[in-house]
Protein backbone atom coordinates (compact mmCIF):
# COMPACT_ATOMS: atom_id res chain seq x y z
CA MET A 1 -11.74 16.79 -7.41
CA GLY A 2 -13.60 17.07 -10.65
CA ALA A 3 -11.07 18.73 -12.92
CA LYS A 4 -10.64 17.19 -16.35
CA ILE A 5 -7.11 15.93 -16.82
CA LYS A 6 -6.00 14.14 -19.96
CA ARG A 7 -2.69 12.71 -21.03
CA ALA A 8 -1.19 14.56 -23.99
CA GLY A 9 1.86 12.53 -24.92
CA LEU A 10 4.52 10.70 -22.94
CA ALA A 11 5.39 13.51 -20.53
CA ALA A 12 2.58 16.03 -20.95
CA TYR A 13 -0.88 16.48 -19.49
CA CYS A 14 -3.75 18.70 -20.54
CA TYR A 15 -5.75 20.32 -17.71
CA ILE A 16 -9.24 21.49 -18.61
CA GLY A 17 -10.81 23.87 -16.10
CA VAL A 18 -14.29 23.39 -14.71
CA LYS A 19 -16.59 25.91 -13.05
CA LYS A 20 -16.55 24.18 -9.66
CA LEU A 21 -14.47 21.48 -8.01
CA HIS A 22 -15.92 19.08 -5.47
CA GLY A 23 -14.43 17.24 -2.52
CA ALA A 24 -13.51 13.60 -2.43
CA ASP A 25 -12.47 10.99 0.12
CA TYR A 26 -9.29 9.11 -0.59
CA LYS A 27 -7.30 6.78 1.61
CA ILE A 28 -3.59 6.44 0.98
CA ILE A 29 -2.41 2.83 1.20
CA SER A 30 0.17 1.85 3.77
CA ASP A 31 3.79 1.67 2.64
CA ARG A 32 4.14 -2.00 1.66
CA ILE A 33 7.92 -1.74 1.30
CA GLU A 34 8.30 -0.45 4.85
CA ALA A 35 5.81 -2.99 6.22
CA GLY A 36 7.63 -5.79 4.39
CA THR A 37 10.94 -4.60 5.83
CA PHE A 38 9.49 -4.78 9.34
CA LEU A 39 8.17 -8.29 8.68
CA LEU A 40 11.54 -9.47 7.40
CA THR A 41 13.38 -7.83 10.30
CA ALA A 42 11.09 -9.57 12.79
CA ALA A 43 11.57 -12.89 11.00
CA ALA A 44 15.37 -12.49 10.91
CA THR A 45 15.52 -11.70 14.62
CA ARG A 46 12.74 -14.13 15.57
CA SER A 47 10.83 -11.27 17.17
CA ASN A 48 7.12 -10.59 17.55
CA ILE A 49 5.68 -7.45 15.99
CA ILE A 50 2.26 -5.99 15.34
CA LEU A 51 1.64 -4.20 12.05
CA ARG A 52 -1.38 -1.91 12.24
CA ASN A 53 -3.36 -0.44 9.38
CA GLY A 54 -1.61 -2.56 6.81
CA SER A 55 -3.25 -4.58 4.09
CA TYR A 56 -2.72 -8.30 3.62
CA HIS A 57 -3.53 -7.85 -0.06
CA HIS A 58 -0.43 -5.67 -0.47
CA LEU A 59 1.83 -8.14 1.38
CA PHE A 60 0.37 -11.55 0.53
CA ALA A 61 3.34 -12.74 -1.56
CA LEU A 62 5.83 -11.97 1.22
CA ILE A 63 3.57 -13.33 3.96
CA ASP A 64 2.99 -16.55 2.02
CA LYS A 65 6.76 -17.06 1.60
CA LEU A 66 7.43 -16.35 5.27
CA GLU A 67 4.77 -18.90 6.23
CA GLU A 68 6.32 -21.43 3.82
CA ALA A 69 9.63 -20.85 5.62
CA GLY A 70 7.98 -21.75 8.93
CA PHE A 71 7.18 -18.38 10.43
CA LYS A 72 3.82 -18.00 12.15
CA ILE A 73 1.81 -14.98 11.09
CA ARG A 74 -1.58 -14.17 12.55
CA ARG A 75 -3.93 -11.98 10.52
CA GLU A 76 -6.72 -9.99 12.11
CA LYS A 77 -9.30 -7.66 10.64
């Protein structure tokens, strides 16, 4: 990380070199579409599932609607 990247129009970028790059930590978010599909599949089949490493913040709208429809969802840290 550390390179200078600028947008140069609608479909172009300008990359400006630097003398040295440095490392960075980055965590990719879970796939909310896939997680939502699993939640809906469990709800449709009235099954129990455990979703690990997901984020409530990425699924709150779906979870809220499922709870409104009467499905019980337990959230844990």
